[in-house]
Amino acid sequence: MKRRLVIELSEEATEKYFKWAGEWAEAQGNADCEPCGVAIKVDIGPHIYGCYASSAMGKEEIEFGEVEVNIIESES
């Protein structure tokens, strides 16, 4: 049996990501730099602690919030 790890940000976390990443890309474009990518860190803890997404760029860090993590099993 094969497994996939599916990580889903909430609507609120997704909006925080798009706003933050968009501001960085715009600032880099205005500085005549090619916009860099964004890394998202996902902390997966025991069920009682939950799972959270965050990111950092330069000295700025942002918490996106809780994420849902599921393991999907399939036969193929």
Protein backbone atom coordinates (compact mmCIF):
# COMPACT_ATOMS: atom_id res chain seq x y z
CA MET A 1 0.00 0.00 0.00
CA LYS A 2 1.32 3.44 -0.93
CA ARG A 3 0.90 6.55 1.19
CA ARG A 4 0.82 10.28 0.52
CA LEU A 5 1.20 13.05 3.08
CA VAL A 6 -1.30 15.83 2.37
CA ILE A 7 -0.78 19.21 4.05
CA GLU A 8 -3.62 21.71 3.77
CA LEU A 9 -3.57 25.30 4.98
CA SER A 10 -6.80 26.82 6.27
CA GLU A 11 -8.39 29.64 4.27
CA GLU A 12 -7.05 32.14 6.84
CA ALA A 13 -3.52 30.71 6.67
CA THR A 14 -3.65 30.70 2.87
CA GLU A 15 -4.65 34.37 2.78
CA LYS A 16 -1.83 35.25 5.20
CA TYR A 17 0.61 33.38 2.92
CA PHE A 18 -0.55 35.12 -0.28
CA LYS A 19 -0.47 38.57 1.35
CA TRP A 20 3.00 38.06 2.85
CA ALA A 21 4.56 36.38 -0.20
CA GLY A 22 3.02 39.00 -2.50
CA GLU A 23 4.48 41.85 -0.46
CA TRP A 24 7.95 40.25 -0.62
CA ALA A 25 7.70 39.66 -4.36
CA GLU A 26 6.54 43.23 -4.95
CA ALA A 27 9.35 44.68 -2.82
CA GLN A 28 11.93 42.61 -4.67
CA GLY A 29 10.51 43.60 -8.04
CA ASN A 30 10.54 47.28 -7.03
CA ALA A 31 14.20 46.87 -6.04
CA ASP A 32 14.88 45.53 -9.55
CA CYS A 33 15.59 42.04 -8.18
CA GLU A 34 14.21 38.78 -9.41
CA PRO A 35 11.69 37.61 -6.79
CA CYS A 36 12.89 34.59 -4.87
CA GLY A 37 10.76 31.66 -3.81
CA VAL A 38 9.22 31.19 -0.40
CA ALA A 39 9.85 28.21 1.87
CA ILE A 40 7.06 27.10 4.17
CA LYS A 41 7.97 25.26 7.37
CA VAL A 42 5.39 22.80 8.71
CA ASP A 43 5.72 21.65 12.32
CA ILE A 44 3.93 18.34 12.78
CA GLY A 45 3.27 17.53 16.40
CA PRO A 46 1.21 15.00 18.31
CA HIS A 47 -2.55 15.36 17.87
CA ILE A 48 -2.94 17.32 21.12
CA TYR A 49 -0.46 19.99 19.95
CA GLY A 50 -1.58 20.28 16.35
CA CYS A 51 0.33 21.19 13.20
CA TYR A 52 1.44 24.69 12.23
CA ALA A 53 2.90 26.44 9.20
CA SER A 54 5.36 29.33 9.27
CA SER A 55 7.99 30.98 7.13
CA ALA A 56 10.89 33.38 7.37
CA MET A 57 12.50 35.73 4.90
CA GLY A 58 15.47 37.72 6.05
CA LYS A 59 14.83 38.63 9.68
CA GLU A 60 11.06 38.62 9.24
CA GLU A 61 9.15 35.58 10.46
CA ILE A 62 5.44 34.90 10.08
CA GLU A 63 3.13 32.28 11.53
CA PHE A 64 0.45 31.26 9.05
CA GLY A 65 -1.47 29.22 11.60
CA GLU A 66 -2.79 25.72 11.98
CA VAL A 67 -2.65 23.28 9.09
CA GLU A 68 -4.33 19.95 8.57
CA VAL A 69 -2.05 17.00 7.91
CA ASN A 70 -3.47 13.73 6.60
CA ILE A 71 -2.01 10.46 5.43
CA ILE A 72 -3.82 9.12 2.38
CA GLU A 73 -3.40 5.43 1.65
CA SER A 74 -3.95 3.98 -1.80
CA GLU A 75 -3.51 0.63 -3.48
CA SER A 76 -1.65 2.00 -6.53
